[in-house]
Amino acid sequence: MADDGIDRDAEKRMEFSTSKEVQVAPTFEAMHLKENLLRGVYAYGYESPSAVQSRAIVQICKGRDTIAQAQSGTGKTATFSISILQVIDTAVRESQALVLSPTRELATQIQSVLLALGDYMNVQCHACIGGTNVGEDIRKLDYGQHVVSGTPGRVADMIRRRNLRTRHIKMLVLDEADELLNRGFREQIYDVSWSSPPPSPMMFWT
C-alpha cells in the first residue's frame, strides 16, 4: 500500500464502469483545483490520483449527482472530500456541504480527512454526532462551519433546532449509503435532503 493509503496493486485488478462522457484526469493539476487545496492534497501524502479520484472529482465538481461503489483503500473518502473543498467558498461562514455516515467513528474520521486536506484553506468542519454534548454542537454551528460531517439523527435534530442552517448547502454526501438505509435512517435522510436547497448535488457512496 502506498504512503497515501491507496492500494495501488488492488487498483490494477479493479474493473471500472463509468458513464461514457466521463473523462479521466491523470493528475491533480489537471483537475484545476484551488491552489491551497492542491497544497493540502500533496501535504496529505498524495502524489497522483487514484483511479476513483481521477474519474469522479471533476464530475462531482461540475454538480453532477454521483453513485459510486468503491472498496476501502481506493481513496473514496478523499474523493468526495476534495470535491467538497473545491466547491465551497471559505469566505462564507455558512454550512455548504453535509456528509452523512452510519457511525460516529466514520463521521469523525471524515471530519479529520476534510480538515487535513483543507489545512491551507482555513476550512471549518464539525463532526455532528449522537452521544455527544448538544450544547457543543450548537456552539460550533453558531460559530459557523463550512462542512458538517455527522450521523443522520443528530444532523436532522440540529436542522430542526435551526442551529444548522441549510440555505447555503451545495452538496450532500451519503457515505456507506447502503448501510445508512439498512440501519433505518431513511426518514432522517429524507428530512435532511428535503431541507437542502435544490438543486443540491447528491453523492451516494457504497
C-alpha atoms as a PDB file:
ATOM      1  CA  MET A   1       0.000   0.000   0.000  1.00  0.00           C
ATOM      2  CA  ALA A   2       1.328   3.446  -0.924  1.00  0.00           C
ATOM      3  CA  ASP A   3       2.056   6.216   1.590  1.00  0.00           C
ATOM      4  CA  ASP A   4      -1.197   7.903   0.569  1.00  0.00           C
ATOM      5  CA  GLY A   5      -3.188   4.928   1.861  1.00  0.00           C
ATOM      6  CA  ILE A   6      -4.246   3.726  -1.586  1.00  0.00           C
ATOM      7  CA  ASP A   7      -3.730   0.086  -2.501  1.00  0.00           C
ATOM      8  CA  ARG A   8      -2.243   0.599  -5.968  1.00  0.00           C
ATOM      9  CA  ASP A   9      -1.831  -3.144  -6.575  1.00  0.00           C
ATOM     10  CA  ALA A  10      -5.513  -3.722  -5.870  1.00  0.00           C
ATOM     11  CA  GLU A  11      -6.357  -0.839  -8.193  1.00  0.00           C
ATOM     12  CA  LYS A  12      -4.689  -2.611 -11.093  1.00  0.00           C
ATOM     13  CA  ARG A  13      -7.030  -5.567 -10.597  1.00  0.00           C
ATOM     14  CA  MET A  14     -10.175  -3.453 -10.423  1.00  0.00           C
ATOM     15  CA  GLU A  15     -12.727  -3.081 -13.180  1.00  0.00           C
ATOM     16  CA  PHE A  16     -14.409   0.277 -13.742  1.00  0.00           C
ATOM     17  CA  SER A  17     -17.780   1.080 -15.213  1.00  0.00           C
ATOM     18  CA  THR A  18     -18.471   4.784 -15.780  1.00  0.00           C
ATOM     19  CA  SER A  19     -20.664   6.951 -17.966  1.00  0.00           C
ATOM     20  CA  LYS A  20     -19.290   7.292 -21.487  1.00  0.00           C
ATOM     21  CA  GLU A  21     -18.747  11.046 -21.208  1.00  0.00           C
ATOM     22  CA  VAL A  22     -16.602  10.760 -18.066  1.00  0.00           C
ATOM     23  CA  GLN A  23     -13.015  11.766 -18.776  1.00  0.00           C
ATOM     24  CA  VAL A  24     -10.037  10.650 -16.715  1.00  0.00           C
ATOM     25  CA  ALA A  25      -7.893  13.356 -15.070  1.00  0.00           C
ATOM     26  CA  PRO A  26      -4.371  11.874 -14.901  1.00  0.00           C
ATOM     27  CA  THR A  27      -3.059  14.384 -12.333  1.00  0.00           C
ATOM     28  CA  PHE A  28      -4.441  16.614  -9.603  1.00  0.00           C
ATOM     29  CA  GLU A  29      -3.227  19.625 -11.598  1.00  0.00           C
ATOM     30  CA  ALA A  30      -5.428  18.517 -14.481  1.00  0.00           C
ATOM     31  CA  MET A  31      -8.444  18.855 -12.178  1.00  0.00           C
ATOM     32  CA  HIS A  32      -7.752  22.615 -11.836  1.00  0.00           C
ATOM     33  CA  LEU A  33      -8.042  22.509  -8.061  1.00  0.00           C
ATOM     34  CA  LYS A  34      -7.670  25.624  -5.933  1.00  0.00           C
ATOM     35  CA  GLU A  35      -4.029  26.349  -5.151  1.00  0.00           C
ATOM     36  CA  ASN A  36      -4.418  25.979  -1.383  1.00  0.00           C
ATOM     37  CA  LEU A  37      -6.422  22.790  -1.822  1.00  0.00           C
ATOM     38  CA  LEU A  38      -3.727  21.371  -4.091  1.00  0.00           C
ATOM     39  CA  ARG A  39      -1.161  22.176  -1.391  1.00  0.00           C
ATOM     40  CA  GLY A  40      -3.275  20.288   1.120  1.00  0.00           C
ATOM     41  CA  VAL A  41      -3.620  17.289  -1.186  1.00  0.00           C
ATOM     42  CA  TYR A  42       0.146  16.989  -1.595  1.00  0.00           C
ATOM     43  CA  ALA A  43       0.788  17.647   2.105  1.00  0.00           C
ATOM     44  CA  TYR A  44      -1.626  14.800   2.891  1.00  0.00           C
ATOM     45  CA  GLY A  45       0.687  12.458   1.008  1.00  0.00           C
ATOM     46  CA  TYR A  46      -0.926  12.115  -2.396  1.00  0.00           C
ATOM     47  CA  GLU A  47       1.304  12.209  -5.456  1.00  0.00           C
ATOM     48  CA  SER A  48      -1.195  11.136  -8.100  1.00  0.00           C
ATOM     49  CA  PRO A  49      -4.948  10.498  -8.046  1.00  0.00           C
ATOM     50  CA  SER A  50      -6.335   7.023  -7.554  1.00  0.00           C
ATOM     51  CA  ALA A  51      -8.485   5.511 -10.274  1.00  0.00           C
ATOM     52  CA  VAL A  52     -11.650   6.572  -8.453  1.00  0.00           C
ATOM     53  CA  GLN A  53     -10.364  10.098  -7.861  1.00  0.00           C
ATOM     54  CA  SER A  54      -9.257  10.585 -11.465  1.00  0.00           C
ATOM     55  CA  ARG A  55     -12.752   9.714 -12.690  1.00  0.00           C
ATOM     56  CA  ALA A  56     -15.020  11.224 -10.051  1.00  0.00           C
ATOM     57  CA  ILE A  57     -13.660  14.518  -8.713  1.00  0.00           C
ATOM     58  CA  VAL A  58     -14.102  16.658 -11.832  1.00  0.00           C
ATOM     59  CA  GLN A  59     -17.598  15.284 -12.452  1.00  0.00           C
ATOM     60  CA  ILE A  60     -18.678  15.933  -8.873  1.00  0.00           C
ATOM     61  CA  CYS A  61     -17.331  19.487  -9.017  1.00  0.00           C
ATOM     62  CA  LYS A  62     -19.443  20.050 -12.129  1.00  0.00           C
ATOM     63  CA  GLY A  63     -22.508  19.481  -9.962  1.00  0.00           C
ATOM     64  CA  ARG A  64     -23.441  16.017 -11.146  1.00  0.00           C
ATOM     65  CA  ASP A  65     -25.255  13.569  -8.911  1.00  0.00           C
ATOM     66  CA  THR A  66     -22.970  10.611  -8.259  1.00  0.00           C
ATOM     67  CA  ILE A  67     -23.488   6.973  -7.353  1.00  0.00           C
ATOM     68  CA  ALA A  68     -20.197   5.227  -6.663  1.00  0.00           C
ATOM     69  CA  GLN A  69     -19.188   1.806  -5.418  1.00  0.00           C
ATOM     70  CA  ALA A  70     -15.610   1.670  -4.202  1.00  0.00           C
ATOM     71  CA  GLN A  71     -13.689  -0.665  -1.940  1.00  0.00           C
ATOM     72  CA  SER A  72     -11.686   0.530   1.038  1.00  0.00           C
ATOM     73  CA  GLY A  73      -8.179   1.581   0.083  1.00  0.00           C
ATOM     74  CA  THR A  74      -9.275   3.316  -3.125  1.00  0.00           C
ATOM     75  CA  GLY A  75      -9.222   6.886  -1.808  1.00  0.00           C
ATOM     76  CA  LYS A  76     -13.002   7.119  -1.603  1.00  0.00           C
ATOM     77  CA  THR A  77     -13.183   9.471   1.391  1.00  0.00           C
ATOM     78  CA  ALA A  78     -10.588  11.807  -0.096  1.00  0.00           C
ATOM     79  CA  THR A  79     -12.507  11.772  -3.385  1.00  0.00           C
ATOM     80  CA  PHE A  80     -15.624  13.401  -2.004  1.00  0.00           C
ATOM     81  CA  SER A  81     -13.621  15.471   0.499  1.00  0.00           C
ATOM     82  CA  ILE A  82     -11.510  17.050  -2.257  1.00  0.00           C
ATOM     83  CA  SER A  83     -14.674  17.663  -4.279  1.00  0.00           C
ATOM     84  CA  ILE A  84     -16.361  19.387  -1.347  1.00  0.00           C
ATOM     85  CA  LEU A  85     -13.333  21.575  -0.634  1.00  0.00           C
ATOM     86  CA  GLN A  86     -13.124  22.589  -4.280  1.00  0.00           C
ATOM     87  CA  VAL A  87     -16.768  23.686  -4.374  1.00  0.00           C
ATOM     88  CA  ILE A  88     -17.184  25.530  -1.071  1.00  0.00           C
ATOM     89  CA  ASP A  89     -16.351  29.192  -0.503  1.00  0.00           C
ATOM     90  CA  THR A  90     -14.443  29.560   2.772  1.00  0.00           C
ATOM     91  CA  ALA A  91     -15.079  33.314   2.751  1.00  0.00           C
ATOM     92  CA  VAL A  92     -18.721  32.485   3.526  1.00  0.00           C
ATOM     93  CA  ARG A  93     -19.016  31.216   7.113  1.00  0.00           C
ATOM     94  CA  GLU A  94     -22.070  29.056   6.438  1.00  0.00           C
ATOM     95  CA  SER A  95     -22.584  25.306   6.122  1.00  0.00           C
ATOM     96  CA  GLN A  96     -22.136  24.458   2.439  1.00  0.00           C
ATOM     97  CA  ALA A  97     -21.780  20.667   2.466  1.00  0.00           C
ATOM     98  CA  LEU A  98     -23.227  17.853   4.550  1.00  0.00           C
ATOM     99  CA  VAL A  99     -21.770  14.358   4.857  1.00  0.00           C
ATOM    100  CA  LEU A 100     -23.945  11.694   6.477  1.00  0.00           C
ATOM    101  CA  SER A 101     -22.406   8.482   7.809  1.00  0.00           C
ATOM    102  CA  PRO A 102     -23.889   5.467   9.636  1.00  0.00           C
ATOM    103  CA  THR A 103     -21.480   5.600  12.606  1.00  0.00           C
ATOM    104  CA  ARG A 104     -19.922   8.223  14.856  1.00  0.00           C
ATOM    105  CA  GLU A 105     -16.456   6.830  14.181  1.00  0.00           C
ATOM    106  CA  LEU A 106     -16.802   7.200  10.426  1.00  0.00           C
ATOM    107  CA  ALA A 107     -18.207  10.721  10.711  1.00  0.00           C
ATOM    108  CA  THR A 108     -15.267  11.731  12.915  1.00  0.00           C
ATOM    109  CA  GLN A 109     -12.791  10.116  10.534  1.00  0.00           C
ATOM    110  CA  ILE A 110     -14.259  12.056   7.603  1.00  0.00           C
ATOM    111  CA  GLN A 111     -14.002  15.284   9.610  1.00  0.00           C
ATOM    112  CA  SER A 112     -10.291  14.579  10.147  1.00  0.00           C
ATOM    113  CA  VAL A 113      -9.699  13.987   6.429  1.00  0.00           C
ATOM    114  CA  LEU A 114     -11.518  17.188   5.481  1.00  0.00           C
ATOM    115  CA  LEU A 115      -9.552  19.252   7.998  1.00  0.00           C
ATOM    116  CA  ALA A 116      -6.245  17.757   6.854  1.00  0.00           C
ATOM    117  CA  LEU A 117      -6.900  18.268   3.139  1.00  0.00           C
ATOM    118  CA  GLY A 118      -8.260  21.757   3.813  1.00  0.00           C
ATOM    119  CA  ASP A 119      -5.449  22.744   6.165  1.00  0.00           C
ATOM    120  CA  TYR A 120      -4.252  25.582   3.907  1.00  0.00           C
ATOM    121  CA  MET A 121      -7.808  26.795   3.255  1.00  0.00           C
ATOM    122  CA  ASN A 122      -8.726  27.605   6.867  1.00  0.00           C
ATOM    123  CA  VAL A 123     -11.752  25.360   6.471  1.00  0.00           C
ATOM    124  CA  GLN A 124     -14.147  24.854   9.388  1.00  0.00           C
ATOM    125  CA  CYS A 125     -15.574  21.339   9.728  1.00  0.00           C
ATOM    126  CA  HIS A 126     -17.551  19.919  12.643  1.00  0.00           C
ATOM    127  CA  ALA A 127     -18.480  16.325  13.463  1.00  0.00           C
ATOM    128  CA  CYS A 128     -22.137  16.452  14.461  1.00  0.00           C
ATOM    129  CA  ILE A 129     -22.732  13.044  16.030  1.00  0.00           C
ATOM    130  CA  GLY A 130     -25.036  11.387  18.517  1.00  0.00           C
ATOM    131  CA  GLY A 131     -23.816  10.635  22.019  1.00  0.00           C
ATOM    132  CA  THR A 132     -22.015  13.961  22.356  1.00  0.00           C
ATOM    133  CA  ASN A 133     -22.921  17.233  24.040  1.00  0.00           C
ATOM    134  CA  VAL A 134     -25.717  19.007  22.178  1.00  0.00           C
ATOM    135  CA  GLY A 135     -24.599  22.349  23.576  1.00  0.00           C
ATOM    136  CA  GLU A 136     -21.178  21.934  21.980  1.00  0.00           C
ATOM    137  CA  ASP A 137     -22.826  21.209  18.616  1.00  0.00           C
ATOM    138  CA  ILE A 138     -24.931  24.340  18.952  1.00  0.00           C
ATOM    139  CA  ARG A 139     -21.889  26.446  19.865  1.00  0.00           C
ATOM    140  CA  LYS A 140     -19.831  25.130  16.943  1.00  0.00           C
ATOM    141  CA  LEU A 141     -22.660  25.517  14.441  1.00  0.00           C
ATOM    142  CA  ASP A 142     -23.462  29.036  15.608  1.00  0.00           C
ATOM    143  CA  TYR A 143     -19.784  29.919  15.113  1.00  0.00           C
ATOM    144  CA  GLY A 144     -20.085  28.774  11.504  1.00  0.00           C
ATOM    145  CA  GLN A 145     -18.938  25.546   9.843  1.00  0.00           C
ATOM    146  CA  HIS A 146     -18.234  25.200   6.134  1.00  0.00           C
ATOM    147  CA  VAL A 147     -18.759  21.430   6.251  1.00  0.00           C
ATOM    148  CA  VAL A 148     -20.694  19.247   8.667  1.00  0.00           C
ATOM    149  CA  SER A 149     -19.907  15.530   8.897  1.00  0.00           C
ATOM    150  CA  GLY A 150     -22.347  13.658  11.054  1.00  0.00           C
ATOM    151  CA  THR A 151     -24.827  10.935  11.792  1.00  0.00           C
ATOM    152  CA  PRO A 152     -28.341  11.396  10.352  1.00  0.00           C
ATOM    153  CA  GLY A 153     -30.211  11.665  13.649  1.00  0.00           C
ATOM    154  CA  ARG A 154     -28.058  14.414  15.151  1.00  0.00           C
ATOM    155  CA  VAL A 155     -27.772  16.342  11.877  1.00  0.00           C
ATOM    156  CA  ALA A 156     -31.551  16.233  11.389  1.00  0.00           C
ATOM    157  CA  ASP A 157     -32.023  17.368  15.007  1.00  0.00           C
ATOM    158  CA  MET A 158     -29.705  20.357  14.533  1.00  0.00           C
ATOM    159  CA  ILE A 159     -31.606  21.318  11.382  1.00  0.00           C
ATOM    160  CA  ARG A 160     -34.927  21.131  13.247  1.00  0.00           C
ATOM    161  CA  ARG A 161     -33.482  23.317  16.016  1.00  0.00           C
ATOM    162  CA  ARG A 162     -32.375  25.777  13.289  1.00  0.00           C
ATOM    163  CA  ASN A 163     -28.806  25.730  14.566  1.00  0.00           C
ATOM    164  CA  LEU A 164     -27.687  24.033  11.359  1.00  0.00           C
ATOM    165  CA  ARG A 165     -28.716  26.361   8.551  1.00  0.00           C
ATOM    166  CA  THR A 166     -29.013  24.703   5.158  1.00  0.00           C
ATOM    167  CA  ARG A 167     -29.785  27.579   2.790  1.00  0.00           C
ATOM    168  CA  HIS A 168     -26.169  27.609   1.527  1.00  0.00           C
ATOM    169  CA  ILE A 169     -25.809  23.836   1.093  1.00  0.00           C
ATOM    170  CA  LYS A 170     -24.175  22.968  -2.231  1.00  0.00           C
ATOM    171  CA  MET A 171     -23.556  19.258  -1.756  1.00  0.00           C
ATOM    172  CA  LEU A 172     -24.976  16.307   0.183  1.00  0.00           C
ATOM    173  CA  VAL A 173     -22.935  13.120   0.602  1.00  0.00           C
ATOM    174  CA  LEU A 174     -24.219   9.775   1.861  1.00  0.00           C
ATOM    175  CA  ASP A 175     -21.226   7.646   2.800  1.00  0.00           C
ATOM    176  CA  GLU A 176     -21.867   3.923   3.163  1.00  0.00           C
ATOM    177  CA  ALA A 177     -25.313   4.673   1.747  1.00  0.00           C
ATOM    178  CA  ASP A 178     -26.427   1.043   1.795  1.00  0.00           C
ATOM    179  CA  GLU A 179     -25.623   0.743   5.489  1.00  0.00           C
ATOM    180  CA  LEU A 180     -27.366   4.051   6.225  1.00  0.00           C
ATOM    181  CA  LEU A 181     -30.561   2.702   4.680  1.00  0.00           C
ATOM    182  CA  ASN A 182     -30.216  -0.734   6.280  1.00  0.00           C
ATOM    183  CA  ARG A 183     -29.865   0.853   9.719  1.00  0.00           C
ATOM    184  CA  GLY A 184     -33.214   2.594   9.359  1.00  0.00           C
ATOM    185  CA  PHE A 185     -32.031   6.158   8.780  1.00  0.00           C
ATOM    186  CA  ARG A 186     -34.274   6.611   5.755  1.00  0.00           C
ATOM    187  CA  GLU A 187     -36.624   9.124   7.427  1.00  0.00           C
ATOM    188  CA  GLN A 188     -33.792  11.286   8.791  1.00  0.00           C
ATOM    189  CA  ILE A 189     -32.003  11.220   5.428  1.00  0.00           C
ATOM    190  CA  TYR A 190     -35.209  12.345   3.756  1.00  0.00           C
ATOM    191  CA  ASP A 191     -35.588  15.189   6.271  1.00  0.00           C
ATOM    192  CA  VAL A 192     -32.003  16.350   5.676  1.00  0.00           C
ATOM    193  CA  SER A 193     -32.239  16.172   1.887  1.00  0.00           C
ATOM    194  CA  TRP A 194     -35.622  17.909   1.908  1.00  0.00           C
ATOM    195  CA  SER A 195     -34.144  20.798   3.898  1.00  0.00           C
ATOM    196  CA  SER A 196     -31.294  21.298   1.398  1.00  0.00           C
ATOM    197  CA  PRO A 197     -31.961  23.856  -1.340  1.00  0.00           C
ATOM    198  CA  PRO A 198     -32.464  22.428  -4.829  1.00  0.00           C
ATOM    199  CA  PRO A 199     -30.624  21.568  -6.919  1.00  0.00           C
ATOM    200  CA  SER A 200     -28.045  20.336  -4.387  1.00  0.00           C
ATOM    201  CA  PRO A 201     -25.974  17.553  -5.980  1.00  0.00           C
ATOM    202  CA  MET A 202     -26.092  14.278  -4.068  1.00  0.00           C
ATOM    203  CA  MET A 203     -23.394  11.637  -3.770  1.00  0.00           C
ATOM    204  CA  PHE A 204     -24.111   8.051  -2.800  1.00  0.00           C
ATOM    205  CA  TRP A 205     -21.044   6.020  -1.818  1.00  0.00           C
ATOM    206  CA  THR A 206     -21.107   2.324  -1.001  1.00  0.00           C
END
